[in-house]
């Protein structure tokens, strides 16, 4: 702000000095040059300000943290999200089937409910894991040494939980698909 104000005063001062000389083309050239220089300085200043204040979204920071410190847990979290996506897709397919065959709505609705329960279970576990990883990240940032030790303990528990939910999801998915094949 002070730089801009100083530049404006400088331009006014130069304009006053040049107008006393009565050289109109010199005045116009200098004023044009000063205006262009001012814009260039302001653009560079704004770019530097924006570059310095650019922030990374917190979720991306936490994802990088988990990827760096425990890639296996990160992979399990990705697998859970993929299972949620698959469940969503299956539910959509069943809803389309229900629209096409409204007379069979009761049977299709049972399958939709099974997939919805699986999706809800996976979503709940995913949210729980994400919350606990975020807590571990904050603890890590507060005290990196203590946080790393805490995170190692927490991450193993989370990995076990992720493995359990994925195993349950696989068995539930297999059961649902086997019922569909009958």
N, C-alpha and C. Protein backbone atom coordinates (compact mmCIF):
# COMPACT_ATOMS: atom_id res chain seq x y z
N UNK A 1 0.83 -1.18 0.00
CA UNK A 1 0.00 0.00 0.00
C UNK A 1 0.88 1.25 0.00
N UNK A 2 1.90 1.25 0.86
CA UNK A 2 2.78 2.42 0.92
C UNK A 2 3.59 2.56 -0.37
N UNK A 3 3.94 1.44 -0.98
CA UNK A 3 4.69 1.51 -2.24
C UNK A 3 3.83 2.16 -3.32
N UNK A 4 2.58 1.77 -3.39
CA UNK A 4 1.67 2.35 -4.39
C UNK A 4 1.50 3.85 -4.16
N UNK A 5 1.32 4.22 -2.91
CA UNK A 5 1.16 5.63 -2.58
C UNK A 5 2.42 6.42 -2.95
N UNK A 6 3.59 5.86 -2.67
CA UNK A 6 4.85 6.50 -3.03
C UNK A 6 4.99 6.66 -4.52
N UNK A 7 4.58 5.63 -5.28
CA UNK A 7 4.65 5.72 -6.74
C UNK A 7 3.74 6.81 -7.28
N UNK A 8 2.56 6.93 -6.69
CA UNK A 8 1.64 7.98 -7.14
C UNK A 8 2.24 9.36 -6.88
N UNK A 9 2.82 9.57 -5.68
CA UNK A 9 3.45 10.86 -5.38
C UNK A 9 4.63 11.13 -6.32
N UNK A 10 5.40 10.09 -6.64
CA UNK A 10 6.53 10.24 -7.55
C UNK A 10 6.04 10.67 -8.93
N UNK A 11 4.98 10.05 -9.41
CA UNK A 11 4.42 10.41 -10.71
C UNK A 11 3.94 11.85 -10.72
N UNK A 12 3.25 12.25 -9.65
CA UNK A 12 2.77 13.63 -9.56
C UNK A 12 3.93 14.62 -9.54
N UNK A 13 4.97 14.30 -8.77
CA UNK A 13 6.15 15.17 -8.69
C UNK A 13 6.82 15.31 -10.05
N UNK A 14 7.00 14.21 -10.75
CA UNK A 14 7.63 14.25 -12.08
C UNK A 14 6.75 15.04 -13.05
N UNK A 15 5.44 14.85 -12.97
CA UNK A 15 4.53 15.58 -13.84
C UNK A 15 4.61 17.08 -13.59
N UNK A 16 4.69 17.48 -12.34
CA UNK A 16 4.79 18.91 -12.02
C UNK A 16 6.09 19.48 -12.56
N UNK A 17 7.21 18.76 -12.37
CA UNK A 17 8.51 19.24 -12.84
C UNK A 17 8.51 19.34 -14.36
N UNK A 18 7.97 18.36 -15.03
CA UNK A 18 7.98 18.37 -16.50
C UNK A 18 7.03 19.41 -17.08
N UNK A 19 5.93 19.68 -16.42
CA UNK A 19 5.01 20.69 -16.95
C UNK A 19 5.60 22.09 -16.88
N UNK A 20 6.52 22.32 -16.00
CA UNK A 20 7.18 23.62 -15.92
C UNK A 20 8.11 23.82 -17.12
N UNK A 21 8.54 22.74 -17.73
CA UNK A 21 9.44 22.85 -18.88
C UNK A 21 8.68 23.08 -20.19
N UNK A 22 7.40 22.85 -20.20
CA UNK A 22 6.56 23.12 -21.36
C UNK A 22 6.84 22.19 -22.54
N UNK A 23 7.40 21.02 -22.30
CA UNK A 23 7.64 20.06 -23.40
C UNK A 23 6.57 18.98 -23.31
N UNK A 24 5.53 19.12 -24.08
CA UNK A 24 4.36 18.26 -24.01
C UNK A 24 4.67 16.81 -24.38
N UNK A 25 5.46 16.59 -25.43
CA UNK A 25 5.76 15.21 -25.84
C UNK A 25 6.66 14.50 -24.83
N UNK A 26 7.53 15.24 -24.23
CA UNK A 26 8.37 14.66 -23.19
C UNK A 26 7.50 14.26 -21.99
N UNK A 27 6.56 15.12 -21.66
CA UNK A 27 5.66 14.85 -20.54
C UNK A 27 4.84 13.60 -20.82
N UNK A 28 4.27 13.51 -22.01
CA UNK A 28 3.44 12.36 -22.38
C UNK A 28 4.26 11.07 -22.37
N UNK A 29 5.47 11.11 -22.91
CA UNK A 29 6.32 9.93 -22.95
C UNK A 29 6.70 9.47 -21.55
N UNK A 30 7.13 10.41 -20.73
CA UNK A 30 7.53 10.06 -19.35
C UNK A 30 6.33 9.53 -18.57
N UNK A 31 5.20 10.19 -18.68
CA UNK A 31 4.00 9.75 -17.96
C UNK A 31 3.58 8.35 -18.41
N UNK A 32 3.61 8.10 -19.71
CA UNK A 32 3.28 6.77 -20.23
C UNK A 32 4.24 5.71 -19.69
N UNK A 33 5.52 6.05 -19.72
CA UNK A 33 6.53 5.12 -19.19
C UNK A 33 6.33 4.84 -17.72
N UNK A 34 6.04 5.88 -16.96
CA UNK A 34 5.79 5.70 -15.52
C UNK A 34 4.55 4.85 -15.25
N UNK A 35 3.52 5.07 -16.04
CA UNK A 35 2.30 4.29 -15.86
C UNK A 35 2.57 2.81 -16.16
N UNK A 36 3.27 2.56 -17.27
CA UNK A 36 3.61 1.17 -17.63
C UNK A 36 4.50 0.54 -16.56
N UNK A 37 5.50 1.29 -16.09
CA UNK A 37 6.39 0.76 -15.04
C UNK A 37 5.60 0.47 -13.76
N UNK A 38 4.66 1.34 -13.43
CA UNK A 38 3.84 1.13 -12.23
C UNK A 38 3.02 -0.14 -12.35
N UNK A 39 2.40 -0.34 -13.51
CA UNK A 39 1.62 -1.56 -13.71
C UNK A 39 2.50 -2.81 -13.63
N UNK A 40 3.67 -2.76 -14.21
CA UNK A 40 4.58 -3.91 -14.16
C UNK A 40 4.97 -4.22 -12.72
N UNK A 41 5.29 -3.18 -11.96
CA UNK A 41 5.66 -3.37 -10.55
C UNK A 41 4.49 -3.95 -9.76
N UNK A 42 3.30 -3.44 -10.00
CA UNK A 42 2.12 -3.95 -9.30
C UNK A 42 1.83 -5.41 -9.67
N UNK A 43 1.97 -5.75 -10.93
CA UNK A 43 1.74 -7.13 -11.36
C UNK A 43 2.76 -8.07 -10.73
N UNK A 44 4.02 -7.69 -10.73
CA UNK A 44 5.06 -8.52 -10.13
C UNK A 44 4.82 -8.64 -8.62
N UNK A 45 4.48 -7.54 -7.98
CA UNK A 45 4.21 -7.57 -6.54
C UNK A 45 3.02 -8.47 -6.21
N UNK A 46 1.97 -8.38 -6.98
CA UNK A 46 0.80 -9.23 -6.73
C UNK A 46 1.13 -10.70 -6.97
N UNK A 47 1.92 -10.99 -7.99
CA UNK A 47 2.33 -12.36 -8.26
C UNK A 47 3.16 -12.94 -7.12
N UNK A 48 4.09 -12.16 -6.61
CA UNK A 48 4.92 -12.62 -5.49
C UNK A 48 4.05 -12.83 -4.25
N UNK A 49 3.14 -11.92 -3.99
CA UNK A 49 2.24 -12.05 -2.85
C UNK A 49 1.41 -13.32 -2.97
N UNK A 50 0.84 -13.57 -4.15
CA UNK A 50 0.01 -14.75 -4.37
C UNK A 50 0.85 -16.02 -4.22
N UNK A 51 2.05 -16.02 -4.75
CA UNK A 51 2.93 -17.19 -4.68
C UNK A 51 3.30 -17.51 -3.24
N UNK A 52 3.58 -16.49 -2.44
CA UNK A 52 3.95 -16.70 -1.05
C UNK A 52 2.77 -17.17 -0.21
N UNK A 53 1.57 -16.76 -0.56
CA UNK A 53 0.39 -17.08 0.24
C UNK A 53 -0.40 -18.27 -0.30
N UNK A 54 0.13 -18.95 -1.30
CA UNK A 54 -0.55 -20.11 -1.85
C UNK A 54 -0.52 -21.22 -0.82
N UNK A 55 -1.68 -21.78 -0.53
CA UNK A 55 -1.76 -22.83 0.48
C UNK A 55 -2.19 -24.15 -0.14
N UNK A 56 -1.75 -25.21 0.47
CA UNK A 56 -2.12 -26.55 0.05
C UNK A 56 -3.33 -26.95 0.89
N UNK A 57 -4.37 -27.51 0.26
CA UNK A 57 -5.54 -27.92 1.02
C UNK A 57 -5.15 -28.92 2.13
N UNK A 58 -5.76 -28.78 3.31
CA UNK A 58 -5.40 -29.65 4.43
C UNK A 58 -5.53 -31.14 4.12
N UNK A 59 -6.57 -31.53 3.37
CA UNK A 59 -6.75 -32.94 3.07
C UNK A 59 -5.59 -33.47 2.23
N UNK A 60 -5.07 -32.65 1.32
CA UNK A 60 -3.93 -33.06 0.51
C UNK A 60 -2.68 -33.22 1.37
N UNK A 61 -2.51 -32.36 2.36
CA UNK A 61 -1.37 -32.46 3.27
C UNK A 61 -1.45 -33.76 4.06
N UNK A 62 -2.65 -34.07 4.57
CA UNK A 62 -2.83 -35.30 5.36
C UNK A 62 -2.61 -36.53 4.47
N UNK A 63 -3.10 -36.48 3.23
CA UNK A 63 -2.90 -37.61 2.32
C UNK A 63 -1.42 -37.83 2.02
N UNK A 64 -0.68 -36.76 1.82
CA UNK A 64 0.77 -36.88 1.60
C UNK A 64 1.46 -37.44 2.83
N UNK A 65 1.02 -37.00 3.99
CA UNK A 65 1.57 -37.47 5.26
C UNK A 65 1.39 -38.98 5.39
N UNK A 66 0.19 -39.47 5.16
CA UNK A 66 -0.08 -40.90 5.32
C UNK A 66 0.66 -41.70 4.26
N UNK A 67 0.76 -41.14 3.05
CA UNK A 67 1.48 -41.82 1.97
C UNK A 67 2.96 -41.96 2.30
N UNK A 68 3.53 -40.92 2.88
CA UNK A 68 4.96 -40.95 3.21
C UNK A 68 5.27 -41.86 4.38
N UNK A 69 4.45 -41.79 5.43
CA UNK A 69 4.78 -42.52 6.64
C UNK A 69 4.24 -43.94 6.69
N UNK A 70 3.15 -44.20 6.00
CA UNK A 70 2.58 -45.55 6.04
C UNK A 70 1.87 -45.84 4.71
N UNK A 71 2.65 -46.14 3.67
CA UNK A 71 2.04 -46.34 2.35
C UNK A 71 1.03 -47.50 2.30
N UNK A 72 1.24 -48.51 3.13
CA UNK A 72 0.30 -49.65 3.11
C UNK A 72 -1.09 -49.20 3.59
N UNK A 73 -1.13 -48.41 4.65
CA UNK A 73 -2.41 -47.88 5.13
C UNK A 73 -3.03 -46.96 4.09
N UNK A 74 -2.22 -46.16 3.45
CA UNK A 74 -2.71 -45.28 2.40
C UNK A 74 -3.36 -46.09 1.28
N UNK A 75 -2.73 -47.18 0.91
CA UNK A 75 -3.26 -48.05 -0.13
C UNK A 75 -4.60 -48.66 0.30
N UNK A 76 -4.69 -49.06 1.56
CA UNK A 76 -5.94 -49.64 2.06
C UNK A 76 -7.05 -48.58 2.05
N UNK A 77 -6.70 -47.36 2.38
CA UNK A 77 -7.69 -46.28 2.34
C UNK A 77 -8.19 -46.07 0.91
N UNK A 78 -7.30 -46.16 -0.05
CA UNK A 78 -7.69 -46.04 -1.46
C UNK A 78 -8.60 -47.19 -1.86
N UNK A 79 -8.28 -48.40 -1.39
CA UNK A 79 -9.11 -49.57 -1.70
C UNK A 79 -10.51 -49.41 -1.11
N UNK A 80 -10.61 -48.86 0.10
CA UNK A 80 -11.92 -48.65 0.71
C UNK A 80 -12.73 -47.67 -0.14
N UNK A 81 -12.10 -46.59 -0.60
CA UNK A 81 -12.79 -45.61 -1.45
C UNK A 81 -13.24 -46.28 -2.75
N UNK A 82 -12.40 -47.15 -3.31
CA UNK A 82 -12.78 -47.86 -4.53
C UNK A 82 -13.97 -48.78 -4.28
N UNK A 83 -14.01 -49.43 -3.12
CA UNK A 83 -15.15 -50.29 -2.78
C UNK A 83 -16.42 -49.47 -2.60
N UNK A 84 -16.30 -48.28 -2.03
CA UNK A 84 -17.45 -47.40 -1.88
C UNK A 84 -17.97 -46.99 -3.26
N UNK A 85 -17.04 -46.69 -4.16
CA UNK A 85 -17.42 -46.32 -5.53
C UNK A 85 -18.10 -47.48 -6.23
N UNK A 86 -17.56 -48.68 -6.04
CA UNK A 86 -18.17 -49.88 -6.64
C UNK A 86 -19.58 -50.08 -6.09
N UNK A 87 -19.75 -49.93 -4.79
CA UNK A 87 -21.07 -50.09 -4.17
C UNK A 87 -22.05 -49.08 -4.73
N UNK A 88 -21.59 -47.84 -4.88
CA UNK A 88 -22.44 -46.79 -5.44
C UNK A 88 -22.87 -47.16 -6.86
N UNK A 89 -21.93 -47.67 -7.63
CA UNK A 89 -22.23 -48.08 -9.01
C UNK A 89 -23.24 -49.24 -9.03
N UNK A 90 -23.05 -50.22 -8.15
CA UNK A 90 -23.98 -51.36 -8.10
C UNK A 90 -25.38 -50.89 -7.70
N UNK A 91 -25.45 -49.98 -6.74
CA UNK A 91 -26.75 -49.46 -6.31
C UNK A 91 -27.43 -48.75 -7.47
N UNK A 92 -26.67 -47.98 -8.22
CA UNK A 92 -27.23 -47.27 -9.38
C UNK A 92 -27.75 -48.26 -10.42
N UNK A 93 -26.98 -49.31 -10.67
CA UNK A 93 -27.41 -50.33 -11.63
C UNK A 93 -28.71 -51.00 -11.17
N UNK A 94 -28.77 -51.33 -9.88
CA UNK A 94 -29.97 -51.97 -9.35
C UNK A 94 -31.17 -51.03 -9.40
N UNK A 95 -30.95 -49.75 -9.15
CA UNK A 95 -32.05 -48.79 -9.23
C UNK A 95 -32.55 -48.67 -10.67
N UNK A 96 -31.64 -48.72 -11.63
CA UNK A 96 -32.04 -48.69 -13.04
C UNK A 96 -32.83 -49.96 -13.39
N UNK A 97 -32.38 -51.09 -12.84
CA UNK A 97 -33.08 -52.36 -13.07
C UNK A 97 -34.48 -52.30 -12.46
N UNK A 98 -34.58 -51.71 -11.31
CA UNK A 98 -35.87 -51.57 -10.63
C UNK A 98 -36.83 -50.72 -11.46
N UNK A 99 -36.30 -49.67 -12.08
CA UNK A 99 -37.14 -48.83 -12.94
C UNK A 99 -37.60 -49.60 -14.18
N UNK A 100 -36.72 -50.44 -14.69
CA UNK A 100 -37.05 -51.20 -15.90
C UNK A 100 -38.05 -52.33 -15.59
N UNK A 101 -37.96 -52.88 -14.38
CA UNK A 101 -38.81 -54.00 -14.00
C UNK A 101 -39.51 -53.71 -12.66
N UNK A 102 -40.48 -52.82 -12.67
CA UNK A 102 -41.14 -52.44 -11.42
C UNK A 102 -41.86 -53.59 -10.72
N UNK A 103 -42.24 -54.62 -11.45
CA UNK A 103 -42.93 -55.76 -10.83
C UNK A 103 -41.98 -56.56 -9.93
N UNK A 104 -40.69 -56.42 -10.13
CA UNK A 104 -39.69 -57.14 -9.33
C UNK A 104 -39.03 -56.23 -8.29
N UNK A 105 -39.69 -55.15 -7.97
CA UNK A 105 -39.10 -54.13 -7.10
C UNK A 105 -38.73 -54.66 -5.72
N UNK A 106 -39.54 -55.58 -5.18
CA UNK A 106 -39.25 -56.08 -3.83
C UNK A 106 -37.92 -56.84 -3.80
N UNK A 107 -37.69 -57.70 -4.76
CA UNK A 107 -36.45 -58.48 -4.80
C UNK A 107 -35.25 -57.55 -5.04
N UNK A 108 -35.42 -56.61 -5.94
CA UNK A 108 -34.33 -55.68 -6.26
C UNK A 108 -34.05 -54.77 -5.07
N UNK A 109 -35.10 -54.36 -4.37
CA UNK A 109 -34.93 -53.47 -3.21
C UNK A 109 -34.12 -54.15 -2.11
N UNK A 110 -34.29 -55.46 -1.95
CA UNK A 110 -33.48 -56.20 -0.96
C UNK A 110 -31.99 -56.11 -1.31
N UNK A 111 -31.68 -56.26 -2.56
CA UNK A 111 -30.28 -56.19 -3.00
C UNK A 111 -29.74 -54.76 -2.87
N UNK A 112 -30.57 -53.80 -3.18
CA UNK A 112 -30.16 -52.39 -3.00
C UNK A 112 -29.83 -52.13 -1.54
N UNK A 113 -30.68 -52.64 -0.64
CA UNK A 113 -30.45 -52.45 0.79
C UNK A 113 -29.15 -53.11 1.25
N UNK A 114 -28.85 -54.28 0.71
CA UNK A 114 -27.60 -54.96 1.08
C UNK A 114 -26.38 -54.14 0.63
N UNK A 115 -26.44 -53.68 -0.61
CA UNK A 115 -25.33 -52.86 -1.11
C UNK A 115 -25.23 -51.54 -0.35
N UNK A 116 -26.38 -50.97 0.01
CA UNK A 116 -26.38 -49.71 0.76
C UNK A 116 -25.77 -49.91 2.14
N UNK A 117 -26.10 -51.03 2.81
CA UNK A 117 -25.50 -51.31 4.12
C UNK A 117 -23.99 -51.46 4.00
N UNK A 118 -23.55 -52.16 2.96
CA UNK A 118 -22.11 -52.32 2.73
C UNK A 118 -21.45 -50.96 2.50
N UNK A 119 -22.07 -50.14 1.67
CA UNK A 119 -21.54 -48.80 1.39
C UNK A 119 -21.48 -47.95 2.65
N UNK A 120 -22.53 -48.01 3.45
CA UNK A 120 -22.55 -47.24 4.70
C UNK A 120 -21.47 -47.70 5.66
N UNK A 121 -21.28 -49.01 5.75
CA UNK A 121 -20.23 -49.55 6.62
C UNK A 121 -18.86 -49.08 6.15
N UNK A 122 -18.62 -49.18 4.87
CA UNK A 122 -17.33 -48.74 4.31
C UNK A 122 -17.12 -47.24 4.51
N UNK A 123 -18.17 -46.46 4.31
CA UNK A 123 -18.07 -45.01 4.49
C UNK A 123 -17.76 -44.66 5.94
N UNK A 124 -18.41 -45.35 6.86
CA UNK A 124 -18.19 -45.08 8.28
C UNK A 124 -16.73 -45.39 8.66
N UNK A 125 -16.24 -46.53 8.20
CA UNK A 125 -14.85 -46.90 8.51
C UNK A 125 -13.89 -45.92 7.85
N UNK A 126 -14.17 -45.54 6.62
CA UNK A 126 -13.31 -44.60 5.90
C UNK A 126 -13.25 -43.26 6.65
N UNK A 127 -14.41 -42.77 7.07
CA UNK A 127 -14.44 -41.49 7.81
C UNK A 127 -13.69 -41.61 9.13
N UNK A 128 -13.86 -42.73 9.81
CA UNK A 128 -13.17 -42.95 11.08
C UNK A 128 -11.66 -42.97 10.89
N UNK A 129 -11.20 -43.68 9.87
CA UNK A 129 -9.77 -43.76 9.60
C UNK A 129 -9.23 -42.37 9.24
N UNK A 130 -9.95 -41.64 8.39
CA UNK A 130 -9.50 -40.30 8.00
C UNK A 130 -9.41 -39.36 9.20
N UNK A 131 -10.38 -39.45 10.12
CA UNK A 131 -10.35 -38.61 11.32
C UNK A 131 -9.15 -38.95 12.19
N UNK A 132 -8.89 -40.23 12.35
CA UNK A 132 -7.78 -40.65 13.20
C UNK A 132 -6.43 -40.32 12.57
N UNK A 133 -6.34 -40.43 11.26
CA UNK A 133 -5.10 -40.04 10.57
C UNK A 133 -4.88 -38.54 10.71
N UNK A 134 -5.96 -37.77 10.60
CA UNK A 134 -5.85 -36.33 10.76
C UNK A 134 -5.37 -35.98 12.17
N UNK A 135 -5.91 -36.68 13.18
CA UNK A 135 -5.47 -36.46 14.56
C UNK A 135 -3.99 -36.80 14.70
N UNK A 136 -3.57 -37.90 14.09
CA UNK A 136 -2.16 -38.29 14.16
C UNK A 136 -1.28 -37.25 13.47
N UNK A 137 -1.76 -36.70 12.36
CA UNK A 137 -0.99 -35.67 11.66
C UNK A 137 -0.81 -34.44 12.54
N UNK A 138 -1.89 -34.02 13.18
CA UNK A 138 -1.80 -32.84 14.05
C UNK A 138 -0.85 -33.11 15.20
N UNK A 139 -0.94 -34.28 15.80
CA UNK A 139 -0.02 -34.63 16.88
C UNK A 139 1.42 -34.65 16.37
N UNK A 140 1.60 -35.15 15.18
CA UNK A 140 2.93 -35.20 14.56
C UNK A 140 3.48 -33.79 14.37
N UNK A 141 2.65 -32.89 13.90
CA UNK A 141 3.10 -31.52 13.68
C UNK A 141 3.38 -30.80 14.99
N UNK A 142 2.62 -31.09 16.03
CA UNK A 142 2.85 -30.44 17.32
C UNK A 142 4.19 -30.87 17.88
N UNK A 143 4.45 -32.14 17.82
CA UNK A 143 5.72 -32.65 18.33
C UNK A 143 6.15 -33.79 17.43
N UNK A 144 7.00 -33.54 16.47
CA UNK A 144 7.32 -34.52 15.45
C UNK A 144 7.85 -35.83 16.01
N UNK A 145 8.64 -35.80 16.99
CA UNK A 145 9.19 -37.04 17.54
C UNK A 145 8.09 -37.84 18.22
N UNK A 146 7.34 -37.22 19.11
CA UNK A 146 6.26 -37.91 19.81
C UNK A 146 5.18 -38.34 18.82
N UNK A 147 4.89 -37.45 17.86
CA UNK A 147 3.87 -37.75 16.87
C UNK A 147 4.21 -38.95 16.02
N UNK A 148 5.50 -39.09 15.65
CA UNK A 148 5.90 -40.22 14.83
C UNK A 148 5.69 -41.52 15.60
N UNK A 149 6.03 -41.51 16.89
CA UNK A 149 5.83 -42.71 17.70
C UNK A 149 4.35 -43.00 17.84
N UNK A 150 3.57 -41.96 18.11
CA UNK A 150 2.13 -42.13 18.23
C UNK A 150 1.54 -42.63 16.91
N UNK A 151 1.99 -42.06 15.82
CA UNK A 151 1.43 -42.43 14.53
C UNK A 151 1.72 -43.88 14.20
N UNK A 152 2.90 -44.37 14.55
CA UNK A 152 3.23 -45.76 14.28
C UNK A 152 2.24 -46.68 14.98
N UNK A 153 1.91 -46.38 16.22
CA UNK A 153 0.94 -47.19 16.96
C UNK A 153 -0.46 -47.06 16.37
N UNK A 154 -0.86 -45.83 16.09
CA UNK A 154 -2.19 -45.59 15.54
C UNK A 154 -2.32 -46.21 14.15
N UNK A 155 -1.29 -46.07 13.33
CA UNK A 155 -1.38 -46.54 11.95
C UNK A 155 -1.53 -48.05 11.88
N UNK A 156 -0.90 -48.78 12.79
CA UNK A 156 -1.03 -50.24 12.78
C UNK A 156 -2.47 -50.62 13.13
N UNK A 157 -3.05 -49.94 14.10
CA UNK A 157 -4.45 -50.19 14.46
C UNK A 157 -5.37 -49.88 13.28
N UNK A 158 -5.12 -48.75 12.64
CA UNK A 158 -5.94 -48.36 11.49
C UNK A 158 -5.79 -49.35 10.34
N UNK A 159 -4.56 -49.82 10.13
CA UNK A 159 -4.33 -50.80 9.07
C UNK A 159 -5.11 -52.09 9.35
N UNK A 160 -5.09 -52.53 10.59
CA UNK A 160 -5.85 -53.73 10.96
C UNK A 160 -7.34 -53.51 10.74
N UNK A 161 -7.82 -52.32 11.11
CA UNK A 161 -9.23 -52.01 10.91
C UNK A 161 -9.57 -51.97 9.42
N UNK A 162 -8.71 -51.39 8.62
CA UNK A 162 -8.93 -51.33 7.17
C UNK A 162 -8.95 -52.73 6.57
N UNK A 163 -8.02 -53.58 7.00
CA UNK A 163 -7.99 -54.95 6.50
C UNK A 163 -9.26 -55.70 6.86
N UNK A 164 -9.74 -55.51 8.09
CA UNK A 164 -10.96 -56.18 8.53
C UNK A 164 -12.16 -55.73 7.70
N UNK A 165 -12.30 -54.43 7.52
CA UNK A 165 -13.46 -53.94 6.78
C UNK A 165 -13.39 -54.36 5.31
N UNK A 166 -12.19 -54.40 4.74
CA UNK A 166 -12.09 -54.85 3.34
C UNK A 166 -12.41 -56.34 3.23
N UNK A 167 -11.98 -57.13 4.21
CA UNK A 167 -12.31 -58.55 4.19
C UNK A 167 -13.82 -58.74 4.33
N UNK A 168 -14.43 -57.97 5.24
CA UNK A 168 -15.89 -58.04 5.40
C UNK A 168 -16.60 -57.59 4.13
N UNK A 169 -16.06 -56.56 3.50
CA UNK A 169 -16.66 -56.07 2.25
C UNK A 169 -16.57 -57.11 1.16
N UNK A 170 -15.42 -57.79 1.07
CA UNK A 170 -15.26 -58.83 0.06
C UNK A 170 -16.23 -59.98 0.29
N UNK A 171 -16.37 -60.40 1.56
CA UNK A 171 -17.28 -61.51 1.84
C UNK A 171 -18.72 -61.10 1.61
N UNK A 172 -19.08 -59.89 2.01
CA UNK A 172 -20.44 -59.40 1.78
C UNK A 172 -20.72 -59.27 0.28
N UNK A 173 -19.75 -58.74 -0.44
CA UNK A 173 -19.90 -58.58 -1.89
C UNK A 173 -20.04 -59.95 -2.55
N UNK A 174 -19.24 -60.92 -2.12
CA UNK A 174 -19.32 -62.28 -2.69
C UNK A 174 -20.68 -62.90 -2.40
N UNK A 175 -21.17 -62.69 -1.18
CA UNK A 175 -22.48 -63.23 -0.81
C UNK A 175 -23.58 -62.61 -1.66
N UNK A 176 -23.53 -61.30 -1.80
CA UNK A 176 -24.55 -60.62 -2.61
C UNK A 176 -24.50 -61.10 -4.04
N UNK A 177 -23.29 -61.18 -4.60
CA UNK A 177 -23.15 -61.61 -6.00
C UNK A 177 -23.55 -63.07 -6.17
N UNK A 178 -23.28 -63.92 -5.17
CA UNK A 178 -23.67 -65.32 -5.26
C UNK A 178 -25.18 -65.44 -5.24
N UNK A 179 -25.83 -64.62 -4.42
CA UNK A 179 -27.29 -64.62 -4.37
C UNK A 179 -27.89 -64.18 -5.70
N UNK A 180 -27.20 -63.25 -6.37
CA UNK A 180 -27.69 -62.78 -7.66
C UNK A 180 -27.56 -63.87 -8.72
N UNK A 181 -26.53 -64.72 -8.58
CA UNK A 181 -26.30 -65.76 -9.57
C UNK A 181 -27.31 -66.91 -9.43
N UNK A 182 -27.95 -67.03 -8.26
CA UNK A 182 -28.90 -68.13 -8.05
C UNK A 182 -30.18 -67.92 -8.78
